[in-house]
Amino acid sequence: METCGHKVVFGMPKGDEIVEYMHICEELMRFTYHMIALAKKRIDSLMWTL
C-alpha cells in the first residue's frame, strides 16, 4: 500500500526492507562514532590550551 509516496508496512517488513534498515543503522552508527571522535579531539585540544 502506497500513501503519498510513503510506504506503509503492515506486520513484518520484507527482507529487502530489513537490509535497508540495517544499512541505515550502520550509517548512523558510523556518523555518530565520527562525531564523537571529532568532539573528543576538540576537547583534548581545548584541555591543552587551558
N, C-alpha and C. Protein backbone atom coordinates (compact mmCIF):
# COMPACT_ATOMS: atom_id res chain seq x y z
N MET A 1 0.85 -1.21 0.00
CA MET A 1 0.00 0.00 0.00
C MET A 1 0.87 1.25 0.00
N GLU A 2 0.57 2.16 -0.90
CA GLU A 2 1.33 3.41 -1.01
C GLU A 2 0.44 4.58 -0.62
N THR A 3 0.96 5.48 0.21
CA THR A 3 0.23 6.70 0.56
C THR A 3 1.16 7.89 0.46
N CYS A 4 0.89 8.78 -0.49
CA CYS A 4 1.68 10.00 -0.72
C CYS A 4 3.17 9.68 -0.90
N GLY A 5 3.45 8.57 -1.58
CA GLY A 5 4.84 8.20 -1.83
C GLY A 5 5.51 7.51 -0.67
N HIS A 6 4.86 7.45 0.48
CA HIS A 6 5.43 6.77 1.64
C HIS A 6 4.93 5.33 1.67
N LYS A 7 5.84 4.42 1.95
CA LYS A 7 5.46 3.01 2.00
C LYS A 7 4.89 2.69 3.38
N VAL A 8 3.70 2.13 3.40
CA VAL A 8 3.07 1.74 4.65
C VAL A 8 3.23 0.23 4.80
N VAL A 9 3.88 -0.19 5.87
CA VAL A 9 4.14 -1.61 6.07
C VAL A 9 3.26 -2.12 7.20
N PHE A 10 2.50 -3.15 6.92
CA PHE A 10 1.68 -3.79 7.94
C PHE A 10 2.35 -5.10 8.33
N GLY A 11 2.56 -5.29 9.62
CA GLY A 11 3.19 -6.53 10.08
C GLY A 11 4.70 -6.49 9.91
N MET A 12 5.27 -7.64 9.60
CA MET A 12 6.72 -7.75 9.48
C MET A 12 7.21 -7.15 8.18
N PRO A 13 8.35 -6.43 8.22
CA PRO A 13 8.92 -5.89 6.99
C PRO A 13 9.53 -7.01 6.14
N LYS A 14 9.59 -6.78 4.85
CA LYS A 14 10.16 -7.77 3.93
C LYS A 14 11.69 -7.77 4.04
N GLY A 15 12.30 -8.79 3.48
CA GLY A 15 13.76 -8.98 3.57
C GLY A 15 14.56 -7.78 3.13
N ASP A 16 14.23 -7.22 1.96
CA ASP A 16 14.98 -6.08 1.43
C ASP A 16 14.83 -4.84 2.30
N GLU A 17 13.67 -4.71 2.94
CA GLU A 17 13.45 -3.58 3.85
C GLU A 17 14.30 -3.71 5.11
N ILE A 18 14.44 -4.95 5.59
CA ILE A 18 15.29 -5.20 6.76
C ILE A 18 16.74 -4.83 6.42
N VAL A 19 17.21 -5.25 5.24
CA VAL A 19 18.58 -4.95 4.80
C VAL A 19 18.79 -3.44 4.71
N GLU A 20 17.80 -2.75 4.15
CA GLU A 20 17.87 -1.29 4.02
C GLU A 20 17.95 -0.63 5.39
N TYR A 21 17.12 -1.11 6.32
CA TYR A 21 17.09 -0.58 7.69
C TYR A 21 18.44 -0.80 8.38
N MET A 22 18.99 -2.00 8.20
CA MET A 22 20.30 -2.33 8.79
C MET A 22 21.37 -1.39 8.24
N HIS A 23 21.30 -1.11 6.93
CA HIS A 23 22.27 -0.23 6.29
C HIS A 23 22.17 1.18 6.85
N ILE A 24 20.95 1.66 7.04
CA ILE A 24 20.73 2.99 7.62
C ILE A 24 21.28 3.05 9.04
N CYS A 25 21.04 2.00 9.82
CA CYS A 25 21.57 1.92 11.19
C CYS A 25 23.09 1.97 11.18
N GLU A 26 23.69 1.24 10.25
CA GLU A 26 25.15 1.19 10.13
C GLU A 26 25.70 2.58 9.82
N GLU A 27 25.05 3.28 8.88
CA GLU A 27 25.45 4.64 8.52
C GLU A 27 25.34 5.58 9.72
N LEU A 28 24.24 5.47 10.46
CA LEU A 28 24.04 6.30 11.65
C LEU A 28 25.10 6.04 12.70
N MET A 29 25.42 4.77 12.91
CA MET A 29 26.44 4.39 13.88
C MET A 29 27.80 4.97 13.49
N ARG A 30 28.13 4.85 12.20
CA ARG A 30 29.40 5.37 11.70
C ARG A 30 29.48 6.88 11.87
N PHE A 31 28.38 7.58 11.53
CA PHE A 31 28.30 9.03 11.66
C PHE A 31 28.45 9.46 13.12
N THR A 32 27.73 8.77 14.01
CA THR A 32 27.79 9.08 15.45
C THR A 32 29.19 8.88 15.99
N TYR A 33 29.82 7.76 15.61
CA TYR A 33 31.18 7.46 16.04
C TYR A 33 32.15 8.54 15.57
N HIS A 34 31.98 8.97 14.31
CA HIS A 34 32.82 10.01 13.73
C HIS A 34 32.67 11.33 14.49
N MET A 35 31.43 11.69 14.81
CA MET A 35 31.16 12.93 15.54
C MET A 35 31.75 12.88 16.95
N ILE A 36 31.63 11.73 17.61
CA ILE A 36 32.21 11.57 18.96
C ILE A 36 33.72 11.71 18.90
N ALA A 37 34.34 11.09 17.89
CA ALA A 37 35.79 11.17 17.72
C ALA A 37 36.23 12.62 17.50
N LEU A 38 35.49 13.35 16.67
CA LEU A 38 35.79 14.77 16.42
C LEU A 38 35.66 15.59 17.70
N ALA A 39 34.58 15.37 18.43
CA ALA A 39 34.34 16.10 19.68
C ALA A 39 35.45 15.82 20.69
N LYS A 40 35.88 14.55 20.75
CA LYS A 40 36.93 14.14 21.68
C LYS A 40 38.24 14.86 21.35
N LYS A 41 38.56 14.93 20.06
CA LYS A 41 39.78 15.63 19.61
C LYS A 41 39.72 17.10 20.00
N ARG A 42 38.56 17.71 19.79
CA ARG A 42 38.37 19.12 20.10
C ARG A 42 38.53 19.36 21.60
N ILE A 43 37.95 18.50 22.42
CA ILE A 43 38.06 18.62 23.88
C ILE A 43 39.51 18.47 24.31
N ASP A 44 40.22 17.48 23.72
CA ASP A 44 41.63 17.27 24.04
C ASP A 44 42.46 18.51 23.72
N SER A 45 42.22 19.11 22.57
CA SER A 45 42.97 20.31 22.18
C SER A 45 42.63 21.49 23.09
N LEU A 46 41.38 21.58 23.53
CA LEU A 46 40.98 22.62 24.47
C LEU A 46 41.68 22.44 25.81
N MET A 47 41.80 21.21 26.25
CA MET A 47 42.47 20.91 27.51
C MET A 47 43.94 21.35 27.47
N TRP A 48 44.55 21.16 26.29
CA TRP A 48 45.96 21.56 26.14
C TRP A 48 46.13 23.07 26.21
N THR A 49 45.16 23.80 25.65
CA THR A 49 45.29 25.26 25.62
C THR A 49 45.04 25.89 26.98
N LEU A 50 44.28 25.22 27.84
CA LEU A 50 43.97 25.77 29.17
C LEU A 50 45.19 25.74 30.09
